[in-house]
Amino acid sequence: PAHDTADHPLLTGTPERLHEERAAKELEAALAGAPADVRLRWHTVEGPARRALLAASHEADLLIVGRRHPGQFGHRLGRIAHTLLHHSACPVAVVPDTV
């Protein structure tokens, strides 16, 4: 998150570092089941998702983004997926959440 946290830095370290570590662990867990023949390059960044993903699209061969379950208005794309589909510098795959 690009905002302050309630974590006290003297007790837990710098808040930014905590968020970065948590994001890295979640990303590593999410990618653990990737096929061995797929080459992955990943890193965590701070800031708005749309801005970070659009910047990453200039160096990527493919962006894969999730789409949450349908809401009260049916199957609609979120703001991030919609922006990426229209402005990405590489192909985008939108994968629905299966949970």
PDB file of N, CA and C in Angstrom:
ATOM      1  N   PRO A   1       0.821  -1.214   0.000  1.00  0.00           N
ATOM      2  CA  PRO A   1       0.000   0.000   0.000  1.00  0.00           C
ATOM      3  C   PRO A   1       0.851   1.260   0.000  1.00  0.00           C
ATOM      4  N   ALA A   2       0.384   2.264  -0.679  1.00  0.00           N
ATOM      5  CA  ALA A   2       1.116   3.521  -0.765  1.00  0.00           C
ATOM      6  C   ALA A   2       0.646   4.485   0.320  1.00  0.00           C
ATOM      7  N   HIS A   3       0.365   3.967   1.489  1.00  0.00           N
ATOM      8  CA  HIS A   3      -0.089   4.794   2.598  1.00  0.00           C
ATOM      9  C   HIS A   3       0.547   4.310   3.892  1.00  0.00           C
ATOM     10  N   ASP A   4       0.391   5.088   4.949  1.00  0.00           N
ATOM     11  CA  ASP A   4       0.963   4.718   6.237  1.00  0.00           C
ATOM     12  C   ASP A   4       0.261   3.504   6.821  1.00  0.00           C
ATOM     13  N   THR A   5       0.917   2.878   7.761  1.00  0.00           N
ATOM     14  CA  THR A   5       0.371   1.706   8.413  1.00  0.00           C
ATOM     15  C   THR A   5       0.330   1.925   9.920  1.00  0.00           C
ATOM     16  N   ALA A   6      -0.456   1.124  10.607  1.00  0.00           N
ATOM     17  CA  ALA A   6      -0.549   1.230  12.058  1.00  0.00           C
ATOM     18  C   ALA A   6       0.582   0.483  12.745  1.00  0.00           C
ATOM     19  N   ASP A   7       1.387  -0.283  11.986  1.00  0.00           N
ATOM     20  CA  ASP A   7       2.505  -1.005  12.579  1.00  0.00           C
ATOM     21  C   ASP A   7       3.509  -0.019  13.147  1.00  0.00           C
ATOM     22  N   HIS A   8       3.975  -0.266  14.347  1.00  0.00           N
ATOM     23  CA  HIS A   8       4.946   0.625  14.968  1.00  0.00           C
ATOM     24  C   HIS A   8       6.340   0.246  14.500  1.00  0.00           C
ATOM     25  N   PRO A   9       7.111   1.177  13.891  1.00  0.00           N
ATOM     26  CA  PRO A   9       8.408   0.851  13.327  1.00  0.00           C
ATOM     27  C   PRO A   9       9.415   0.329  14.343  1.00  0.00           C
ATOM     28  N   LEU A  10       9.340   0.763  15.611  1.00  0.00           N
ATOM     29  CA  LEU A  10      10.285   0.290  16.605  1.00  0.00           C
ATOM     30  C   LEU A  10      10.038  -1.170  16.981  1.00  0.00           C
ATOM     31  N   LEU A  11       8.825  -1.631  16.802  1.00  0.00           N
ATOM     32  CA  LEU A  11       8.484  -3.003  17.151  1.00  0.00           C
ATOM     33  C   LEU A  11       8.616  -3.958  15.974  1.00  0.00           C
ATOM     34  N   THR A  12       8.391  -3.486  14.776  1.00  0.00           N
ATOM     35  CA  THR A  12       8.297  -4.387  13.629  1.00  0.00           C
ATOM     36  C   THR A  12       9.239  -4.043  12.483  1.00  0.00           C
ATOM     37  N   GLY A  13      10.015  -3.006  12.564  1.00  0.00           N
ATOM     38  CA  GLY A  13      10.831  -2.574  11.432  1.00  0.00           C
ATOM     39  C   GLY A  13      10.064  -1.527  10.650  1.00  0.00           C
ATOM     40  N   THR A  14      10.645  -1.047   9.560  1.00  0.00           N
ATOM     41  CA  THR A  14       9.963  -0.009   8.800  1.00  0.00           C
ATOM     42  C   THR A  14       8.711  -0.579   8.147  1.00  0.00           C
ATOM     43  N   PRO A  15       7.622   0.157   8.160  1.00  0.00           N
ATOM     44  CA  PRO A  15       6.367  -0.337   7.567  1.00  0.00           C
ATOM     45  C   PRO A  15       6.511  -0.725   6.100  1.00  0.00           C
ATOM     46  N   GLU A  16       7.282   0.051   5.346  1.00  0.00           N
ATOM     47  CA  GLU A  16       7.440  -0.247   3.931  1.00  0.00           C
ATOM     48  C   GLU A  16       8.081  -1.622   3.740  1.00  0.00           C
ATOM     49  N   ARG A  17       9.062  -1.913   4.581  1.00  0.00           N
ATOM     50  CA  ARG A  17       9.756  -3.197   4.483  1.00  0.00           C
ATOM     51  C   ARG A  17       8.801  -4.350   4.799  1.00  0.00           C
ATOM     52  N   LEU A  18       7.932  -4.175   5.778  1.00  0.00           N
ATOM     53  CA  LEU A  18       6.964  -5.207   6.127  1.00  0.00           C
ATOM     54  C   LEU A  18       6.020  -5.493   4.968  1.00  0.00           C
ATOM     55  N   HIS A  19       5.531  -4.445   4.331  1.00  0.00           N
ATOM     56  CA  HIS A  19       4.624  -4.620   3.188  1.00  0.00           C
ATOM     57  C   HIS A  19       5.348  -5.299   2.030  1.00  0.00           C
ATOM     58  N   GLU A  20       6.596  -4.912   1.793  1.00  0.00           N
ATOM     59  CA  GLU A  20       7.364  -5.506   0.703  1.00  0.00           C
ATOM     60  C   GLU A  20       7.604  -6.993   0.971  1.00  0.00           C
ATOM     61  N   GLU A  21       7.958  -7.341   2.197  1.00  0.00           N
ATOM     62  CA  GLU A  21       8.196  -8.745   2.545  1.00  0.00           C
ATOM     63  C   GLU A  21       6.920  -9.571   2.404  1.00  0.00           C
ATOM     64  N   ARG A  22       5.807  -9.040   2.870  1.00  0.00           N
ATOM     65  CA  ARG A  22       4.534  -9.751   2.767  1.00  0.00           C
ATOM     66  C   ARG A  22       4.138  -9.945   1.297  1.00  0.00           C
ATOM     67  N   ALA A  23       4.311  -8.910   0.489  1.00  0.00           N
ATOM     68  CA  ALA A  23       3.984  -9.006  -0.937  1.00  0.00           C
ATOM     69  C   ALA A  23       4.878 -10.033  -1.627  1.00  0.00           C
ATOM     70  N   ALA A  24       6.158 -10.044  -1.300  1.00  0.00           N
ATOM     71  CA  ALA A  24       7.081 -11.003  -1.911  1.00  0.00           C
ATOM     72  C   ALA A  24       6.712 -12.431  -1.538  1.00  0.00           C
ATOM     73  N   LYS A  25       6.339 -12.668  -0.283  1.00  0.00           N
ATOM     74  CA  LYS A  25       5.937 -14.007   0.149  1.00  0.00           C
ATOM     75  C   LYS A  25       4.651 -14.453  -0.543  1.00  0.00           C
ATOM     76  N   GLU A  26       3.679 -13.570  -0.654  1.00  0.00           N
ATOM     77  CA  GLU A  26       2.421 -13.914  -1.328  1.00  0.00           C
ATOM     78  C   GLU A  26       2.651 -14.191  -2.810  1.00  0.00           C
ATOM     79  N   LEU A  27       3.499 -13.399  -3.440  1.00  0.00           N
ATOM     80  CA  LEU A  27       3.796 -13.601  -4.853  1.00  0.00           C
ATOM     81  C   LEU A  27       4.535 -14.918  -5.064  1.00  0.00           C
ATOM     82  N   GLU A  28       5.493 -15.216  -4.215  1.00  0.00           N
ATOM     83  CA  GLU A  28       6.233 -16.473  -4.323  1.00  0.00           C
ATOM     84  C   GLU A  28       5.297 -17.672  -4.154  1.00  0.00           C
ATOM     85  N   ALA A  29       4.376 -17.591  -3.205  1.00  0.00           N
ATOM     86  CA  ALA A  29       3.416 -18.682  -2.991  1.00  0.00           C
ATOM     87  C   ALA A  29       2.492 -18.842  -4.193  1.00  0.00           C
ATOM     88  N   ALA A  30       2.059 -17.725  -4.773  1.00  0.00           N
ATOM     89  CA  ALA A  30       1.155 -17.779  -5.925  1.00  0.00           C
ATOM     90  C   ALA A  30       1.839 -18.385  -7.150  1.00  0.00           C
ATOM     91  N   LEU A  31       3.131 -18.171  -7.286  1.00  0.00           N
ATOM     92  CA  LEU A  31       3.860 -18.659  -8.453  1.00  0.00           C
ATOM     93  C   LEU A  31       4.510 -20.016  -8.233  1.00  0.00           C
ATOM     94  N   ALA A  32       4.347 -20.591  -7.056  1.00  0.00           N
ATOM     95  CA  ALA A  32       5.002 -21.862  -6.729  1.00  0.00           C
ATOM     96  C   ALA A  32       4.564 -22.996  -7.648  1.00  0.00           C
ATOM     97  N   GLY A  33       3.343 -22.970  -8.128  1.00  0.00           N
ATOM     98  CA  GLY A  33       2.846 -24.045  -8.973  1.00  0.00           C
ATOM     99  C   GLY A  33       3.052 -23.819 -10.457  1.00  0.00           C
ATOM    100  N   ALA A  34       3.814 -22.810 -10.830  1.00  0.00           N
ATOM    101  CA  ALA A  34       4.033 -22.525 -12.256  1.00  0.00           C
ATOM    102  C   ALA A  34       4.831 -23.654 -12.904  1.00  0.00           C
ATOM    103  N   PRO A  35       4.525 -23.988 -14.149  1.00  0.00           N
ATOM    104  CA  PRO A  35       5.277 -25.042 -14.847  1.00  0.00           C
ATOM    105  C   PRO A  35       6.762 -24.694 -14.917  1.00  0.00           C
ATOM    106  N   ALA A  36       7.593 -25.721 -14.865  1.00  0.00           N
ATOM    107  CA  ALA A  36       9.043 -25.520 -14.849  1.00  0.00           C
ATOM    108  C   ALA A  36       9.559 -24.908 -16.151  1.00  0.00           C
ATOM    109  N   ASP A  37       8.852 -25.124 -17.268  1.00  0.00           N
ATOM    110  CA  ASP A  37       9.328 -24.605 -18.548  1.00  0.00           C
ATOM    111  C   ASP A  37       8.898 -23.160 -18.805  1.00  0.00           C
ATOM    112  N   VAL A  38       8.202 -22.556 -17.860  1.00  0.00           N
ATOM    113  CA  VAL A  38       7.793 -21.158 -17.996  1.00  0.00           C
ATOM    114  C   VAL A  38       8.814 -20.287 -17.271  1.00  0.00           C
ATOM    115  N   ARG A  39       9.387 -19.352 -17.997  1.00  0.00           N
ATOM    116  CA  ARG A  39      10.379 -18.456 -17.400  1.00  0.00           C
ATOM    117  C   ARG A  39       9.650 -17.275 -16.768  1.00  0.00           C
ATOM    118  N   LEU A  40       9.851 -17.104 -15.478  1.00  0.00           N
ATOM    119  CA  LEU A  40       9.200 -16.018 -14.750  1.00  0.00           C
ATOM    120  C   LEU A  40      10.239 -15.030 -14.237  1.00  0.00           C
ATOM    121  N   ARG A  41       9.929 -13.769 -14.382  1.00  0.00           N
ATOM    122  CA  ARG A  41      10.706 -12.704 -13.752  1.00  0.00           C
ATOM    123  C   ARG A  41       9.713 -11.925 -12.922  1.00  0.00           C
ATOM    124  N   TRP A  42       9.962 -11.800 -11.646  1.00  0.00           N
ATOM    125  CA  TRP A  42       9.006 -11.087 -10.814  1.00  0.00           C
ATOM    126  C   TRP A  42       9.723 -10.205  -9.815  1.00  0.00           C
ATOM    127  N   HIS A  43       9.035  -9.149  -9.466  1.00  0.00           N
ATOM    128  CA  HIS A  43       9.515  -8.259  -8.413  1.00  0.00           C
ATOM    129  C   HIS A  43       8.315  -7.500  -7.866  1.00  0.00           C
ATOM    130  N   THR A  44       8.473  -7.007  -6.666  1.00  0.00           N
ATOM    131  CA  THR A  44       7.401  -6.226  -6.052  1.00  0.00           C
ATOM    132  C   THR A  44       7.734  -4.750  -6.188  1.00  0.00           C
ATOM    133  N   VAL A  45       6.702  -3.939  -6.340  1.00  0.00           N
ATOM    134  CA  VAL A  45       6.885  -2.491  -6.455  1.00  0.00           C
ATOM    135  C   VAL A  45       5.852  -1.787  -5.581  1.00  0.00           C
ATOM    136  N   GLU A  46       6.158  -0.590  -5.202  1.00  0.00           N
ATOM    137  CA  GLU A  46       5.265   0.243  -4.402  1.00  0.00           C
ATOM    138  C   GLU A  46       4.553   1.210  -5.325  1.00  0.00           C
ATOM    139  N   GLY A  47       3.256   1.358  -5.152  1.00  0.00           N
ATOM    140  CA  GLY A  47       2.511   2.343  -5.921  1.00  0.00           C
ATOM    141  C   GLY A  47       1.225   1.783  -6.483  1.00  0.00           C
ATOM    142  N   PRO A  48       0.483   2.618  -7.203  1.00  0.00           N
ATOM    143  CA  PRO A  48      -0.784   2.191  -7.797  1.00  0.00           C
ATOM    144  C   PRO A  48      -0.574   1.053  -8.795  1.00  0.00           C
ATOM    145  N   ALA A  49      -1.423   0.043  -8.738  1.00  0.00           N
ATOM    146  CA  ALA A  49      -1.284  -1.137  -9.586  1.00  0.00           C
ATOM    147  C   ALA A  49      -1.317  -0.782 -11.071  1.00  0.00           C
ATOM    148  N   ARG A  50      -2.224   0.095 -11.464  1.00  0.00           N
ATOM    149  CA  ARG A  50      -2.318   0.447 -12.890  1.00  0.00           C
ATOM    150  C   ARG A  50      -1.003   1.020 -13.403  1.00  0.00           C
ATOM    151  N   ARG A  51      -0.433   1.923 -12.657  1.00  0.00           N
ATOM    152  CA  ARG A  51       0.815   2.566 -13.082  1.00  0.00           C
ATOM    153  C   ARG A  51       1.956   1.539 -13.129  1.00  0.00           C
ATOM    154  N   ALA A  52       2.058   0.712 -12.098  1.00  0.00           N
ATOM    155  CA  ALA A  52       3.141  -0.277 -12.037  1.00  0.00           C
ATOM    156  C   ALA A  52       3.018  -1.306 -13.158  1.00  0.00           C
ATOM    157  N   LEU A  53       1.800  -1.779 -13.422  1.00  0.00           N
ATOM    158  CA  LEU A  53       1.612  -2.793 -14.460  1.00  0.00           C
ATOM    159  C   LEU A  53       1.795  -2.221 -15.864  1.00  0.00           C
ATOM    160  N   LEU A  54       1.347  -0.998 -16.087  1.00  0.00           N
ATOM    161  CA  LEU A  54       1.578  -0.373 -17.390  1.00  0.00           C
ATOM    162  C   LEU A  54       3.073  -0.190 -17.647  1.00  0.00           C
ATOM    163  N   ALA A  55       3.816   0.194 -16.632  1.00  0.00           N
ATOM    164  CA  ALA A  55       5.269   0.333 -16.779  1.00  0.00           C
ATOM    165  C   ALA A  55       5.900  -1.029 -17.059  1.00  0.00           C
ATOM    166  N   ALA A  56       5.446  -2.063 -16.365  1.00  0.00           N
ATOM    167  CA  ALA A  56       5.986  -3.410 -16.564  1.00  0.00           C
ATOM    168  C   ALA A  56       5.658  -3.951 -17.944  1.00  0.00           C
ATOM    169  N   SER A  57       4.563  -3.509 -18.533  1.00  0.00           N
ATOM    170  CA  SER A  57       4.149  -4.029 -19.839  1.00  0.00           C
ATOM    171  C   SER A  57       5.155  -3.706 -20.938  1.00  0.00           C
ATOM    172  N   HIS A  58       5.990  -2.710 -20.737  1.00  0.00           N
ATOM    173  CA  HIS A  58       6.978  -2.339 -21.748  1.00  0.00           C
ATOM    174  C   HIS A  58       8.138  -3.327 -21.813  1.00  0.00           C
ATOM    175  N   GLU A  59       8.308  -4.126 -20.758  1.00  0.00           N
ATOM    176  CA  GLU A  59       9.391  -5.108 -20.731  1.00  0.00           C
ATOM    177  C   GLU A  59       8.873  -6.546 -20.738  1.00  0.00           C
ATOM    178  N   ALA A  60       7.565  -6.732 -20.720  1.00  0.00           N
ATOM    179  CA  ALA A  60       6.983  -8.076 -20.601  1.00  0.00           C
ATOM    180  C   ALA A  60       6.531  -8.610 -21.957  1.00  0.00           C
ATOM    181  N   ASP A  61       6.473  -9.930 -22.035  1.00  0.00           N
ATOM    182  CA  ASP A  61       5.895 -10.586 -23.206  1.00  0.00           C
ATOM    183  C   ASP A  61       4.401 -10.789 -23.008  1.00  0.00           C
ATOM    184  N   LEU A  62       3.967 -10.882 -21.754  1.00  0.00           N
ATOM    185  CA  LEU A  62       2.566 -11.110 -21.434  1.00  0.00           C
ATOM    186  C   LEU A  62       2.305 -10.659 -20.006  1.00  0.00           C
ATOM    187  N   LEU A  63       1.204  -9.950 -19.788  1.00  0.00           N
ATOM    188  CA  LEU A  63       0.744  -9.624 -18.439  1.00  0.00           C
ATOM    189  C   LEU A  63      -0.458 -10.501 -18.142  1.00  0.00           C
ATOM    190  N   ILE A  64      -0.462 -11.120 -16.971  1.00  0.00           N
ATOM    191  CA  ILE A  64      -1.592 -11.924 -16.538  1.00  0.00           C
ATOM    192  C   ILE A  64      -2.178 -11.255 -15.307  1.00  0.00           C
ATOM    193  N   VAL A  65      -3.445 -10.889 -15.402  1.00  0.00           N
ATOM    194  CA  VAL A  65      -4.115 -10.237 -14.274  1.00  0.00           C
ATOM    195  C   VAL A  65      -5.366 -11.025 -13.919  1.00  0.00           C
ATOM    196  N   GLY A  66      -5.736 -10.969 -12.675  1.00  0.00           N
ATOM    197  CA  GLY A  66      -6.921 -11.670 -12.213  1.00  0.00           C
ATOM    198  C   GLY A  66      -8.162 -10.803 -12.308  1.00  0.00           C
ATOM    199  N   ARG A  67      -9.303 -11.478 -12.298  1.00  0.00           N
ATOM    200  CA  ARG A  67     -10.590 -10.790 -12.242  1.00  0.00           C
ATOM    201  C   ARG A  67     -11.386 -11.469 -11.144  1.00  0.00           C
ATOM    202  N   ARG A  68     -11.866 -10.666 -10.228  1.00  0.00           N
ATOM    203  CA  ARG A  68     -12.624 -11.215  -9.120  1.00  0.00           C
ATOM    204  C   ARG A  68     -13.964 -11.746  -9.585  1.00  0.00           C
ATOM    205  N   HIS A  69     -14.604 -12.506  -8.719  1.00  0.00           N
ATOM    206  CA  HIS A  69     -15.917 -13.081  -9.039  1.00  0.00           C
ATOM    207  C   HIS A  69     -16.903 -11.987  -9.419  1.00  0.00           C
ATOM    208  N   PRO A  70     -17.937 -12.336 -10.150  1.00  0.00           N
ATOM    209  CA  PRO A  70     -18.893 -11.317 -10.590  1.00  0.00           C
ATOM    210  C   PRO A  70     -19.600 -10.658  -9.408  1.00  0.00           C
ATOM    211  N   GLY A  71     -19.837  -9.392  -9.545  1.00  0.00           N
ATOM    212  CA  GLY A  71     -20.552  -8.652  -8.516  1.00  0.00           C
ATOM    213  C   GLY A  71     -22.030  -8.562  -8.847  1.00  0.00           C
ATOM    214  N   GLN A  72     -22.703  -7.603  -8.271  1.00  0.00           N
ATOM    215  CA  GLN A  72     -24.140  -7.475  -8.470  1.00  0.00           C
ATOM    216  C   GLN A  72     -24.508  -7.080  -9.895  1.00  0.00           C
ATOM    217  N   PHE A  73     -23.532  -6.563 -10.661  1.00  0.00           N
ATOM    218  CA  PHE A  73     -23.815  -6.142 -12.034  1.00  0.00           C
ATOM    219  C   PHE A  73     -23.317  -7.154 -13.061  1.00  0.00           C
ATOM    220  N   GLY A  74     -23.005  -8.376 -12.635  1.00  0.00           N
ATOM    221  CA  GLY A  74     -22.581  -9.417 -13.561  1.00  0.00           C
ATOM    222  C   GLY A  74     -21.089  -9.418 -13.816  1.00  0.00           C
ATOM    223  N   HIS A  75     -20.693 -10.012 -14.929  1.00  0.00           N
ATOM    224  CA  HIS A  75     -19.285 -10.162 -15.288  1.00  0.00           C
ATOM    225  C   HIS A  75     -18.756  -8.871 -15.893  1.00  0.00           C
ATOM    226  N   ARG A  76     -18.058  -8.110 -15.088  1.00  0.00           N
ATOM    227  CA  ARG A  76     -17.484  -6.856 -15.565  1.00  0.00           C
ATOM    228  C   ARG A  76     -16.020  -6.818 -15.188  1.00  0.00           C
ATOM    229  N   LEU A  77     -15.233  -6.181 -16.015  1.00  0.00           N
ATOM    230  CA  LEU A  77     -13.820  -6.014 -15.704  1.00  0.00           C
ATOM    231  C   LEU A  77     -13.638  -4.914 -14.680  1.00  0.00           C
ATOM    232  N   GLY A  78     -12.622  -5.055 -13.875  1.00  0.00           N
ATOM    233  CA  GLY A  78     -12.267  -3.996 -12.948  1.00  0.00           C
ATOM    234  C   GLY A  78     -11.488  -2.906 -13.662  1.00  0.00           C
ATOM    235  N   ARG A  79     -11.211  -1.853 -12.952  1.00  0.00           N
ATOM    236  CA  ARG A  79     -10.510  -0.710 -13.549  1.00  0.00           C
ATOM    237  C   ARG A  79      -9.120  -1.061 -14.041  1.00  0.00           C
ATOM    238  N   ILE A  80      -8.408  -1.891 -13.271  1.00  0.00           N
ATOM    239  CA  ILE A  80      -7.035  -2.228 -13.645  1.00  0.00           C
ATOM    240  C   ILE A  80      -7.019  -3.059 -14.922  1.00  0.00           C
ATOM    241  N   ALA A  81      -7.811  -4.120 -14.969  1.00  0.00           N
ATOM    242  CA  ALA A  81      -7.844  -4.964 -16.169  1.00  0.00           C
ATOM    243  C   ALA A  81      -8.306  -4.159 -17.380  1.00  0.00           C
ATOM    244  N   HIS A  82      -9.292  -3.328 -17.211  1.00  0.00           N
ATOM    245  CA  HIS A  82      -9.798  -2.507 -18.309  1.00  0.00           C
ATOM    246  C   HIS A  82      -8.707  -1.577 -18.836  1.00  0.00           C
ATOM    247  N   THR A  83      -8.003  -0.912 -17.943  1.00  0.00           N
ATOM    248  CA  THR A  83      -6.916  -0.013 -18.342  1.00  0.00           C
ATOM    249  C   THR A  83      -5.825  -0.772 -19.082  1.00  0.00           C
ATOM    250  N   LEU A  84      -5.437  -1.944 -18.549  1.00  0.00           N
ATOM    251  CA  LEU A  84      -4.374  -2.722 -19.182  1.00  0.00           C
ATOM    252  C   LEU A  84      -4.769  -3.198 -20.572  1.00  0.00           C
ATOM    253  N   LEU A  85      -6.014  -3.625 -20.738  1.00  0.00           N
ATOM    254  CA  LEU A  85      -6.449  -4.089 -22.053  1.00  0.00           C
ATOM    255  C   LEU A  85      -6.386  -2.985 -23.107  1.00  0.00           C
ATOM    256  N   HIS A  86      -6.570  -1.754 -22.691  1.00  0.00           N
ATOM    257  CA  HIS A  86      -6.579  -0.639 -23.642  1.00  0.00           C
ATOM    258  C   HIS A  86      -5.224   0.046 -23.811  1.00  0.00           C
ATOM    259  N   HIS A  87      -4.343  -0.054 -22.810  1.00  0.00           N
ATOM    260  CA  HIS A  87      -3.122   0.749 -22.859  1.00  0.00           C
ATOM    261  C   HIS A  87      -1.826  -0.036 -22.690  1.00  0.00           C
ATOM    262  N   SER A  88      -1.885  -1.337 -22.506  1.00  0.00           N
ATOM    263  CA  SER A  88      -0.686  -2.137 -22.283  1.00  0.00           C
ATOM    264  C   SER A  88       0.171  -2.196 -23.535  1.00  0.00           C
ATOM    265  N   ALA A  89       1.474  -2.277 -23.338  1.00  0.00           N
ATOM    266  CA  ALA A  89       2.403  -2.392 -24.457  1.00  0.00           C
ATOM    267  C   ALA A  89       2.624  -3.849 -24.868  1.00  0.00           C
ATOM    268  N   CYS A  90       1.983  -4.798 -24.185  1.00  0.00           N
ATOM    269  CA  CYS A  90       2.098  -6.212 -24.518  1.00  0.00           C
ATOM    270  C   CYS A  90       0.721  -6.867 -24.375  1.00  0.00           C
ATOM    271  N   PRO A  91       0.576  -8.101 -24.814  1.00  0.00           N
ATOM    272  CA  PRO A  91      -0.707  -8.787 -24.640  1.00  0.00           C
ATOM    273  C   PRO A  91      -1.059  -8.951 -23.162  1.00  0.00           C
ATOM    274  N   VAL A  92      -2.369  -8.993 -22.891  1.00  0.00           N
ATOM    275  CA  VAL A  92      -2.869  -9.133 -21.520  1.00  0.00           C
ATOM    276  C   VAL A  92      -3.837 -10.307 -21.464  1.00  0.00           C
ATOM    277  N   ALA A  93      -3.651 -11.166 -20.474  1.00  0.00           N
ATOM    278  CA  ALA A  93      -4.579 -12.269 -20.217  1.00  0.00           C
ATOM    279  C   ALA A  93      -5.311 -11.950 -18.919  1.00  0.00           C
ATOM    280  N   VAL A  94      -6.637 -11.946 -18.974  1.00  0.00           N
ATOM    281  CA  VAL A  94      -7.454 -11.701 -17.775  1.00  0.00           C
ATOM    282  C   VAL A  94      -8.028 -13.045 -17.344  1.00  0.00           C
ATOM    283  N   VAL A  95      -7.646 -13.467 -16.151  1.00  0.00           N
ATOM    284  CA  VAL A  95      -8.026 -14.784 -15.641  1.00  0.00           C
ATOM    285  C   VAL A  95      -9.000 -14.602 -14.487  1.00  0.00           C
ATOM    286  N   PRO A  96     -10.186 -15.229 -14.581  1.00  0.00           N
ATOM    287  CA  PRO A  96     -11.164 -15.076 -13.487  1.00  0.00           C
ATOM    288  C   PRO A  96     -10.733 -15.825 -12.230  1.00  0.00           C
ATOM    289  N   ASP A  97     -11.110 -15.290 -11.097  1.00  0.00           N
ATOM    290  CA  ASP A  97     -10.858 -15.920  -9.810  1.00  0.00           C
ATOM    291  C   ASP A  97     -11.779 -17.136  -9.709  1.00  0.00           C
ATOM    292  N   THR A  98     -11.236 -18.279  -9.327  1.00  0.00           N
ATOM    293  CA  THR A  98     -12.034 -19.492  -9.265  1.00  0.00           C
ATOM    294  C   THR A  98     -12.488 -19.832  -7.860  1.00  0.00           C
ATOM    295  N   VAL A  99     -12.176 -18.990  -6.907  1.00  0.00           N
ATOM    296  CA  VAL A  99     -12.547 -19.285  -5.517  1.00  0.00           C
ATOM    297  C   VAL A  99     -13.988 -18.949  -5.249  1.00  0.00           C
TER     298      VAL A  99
END
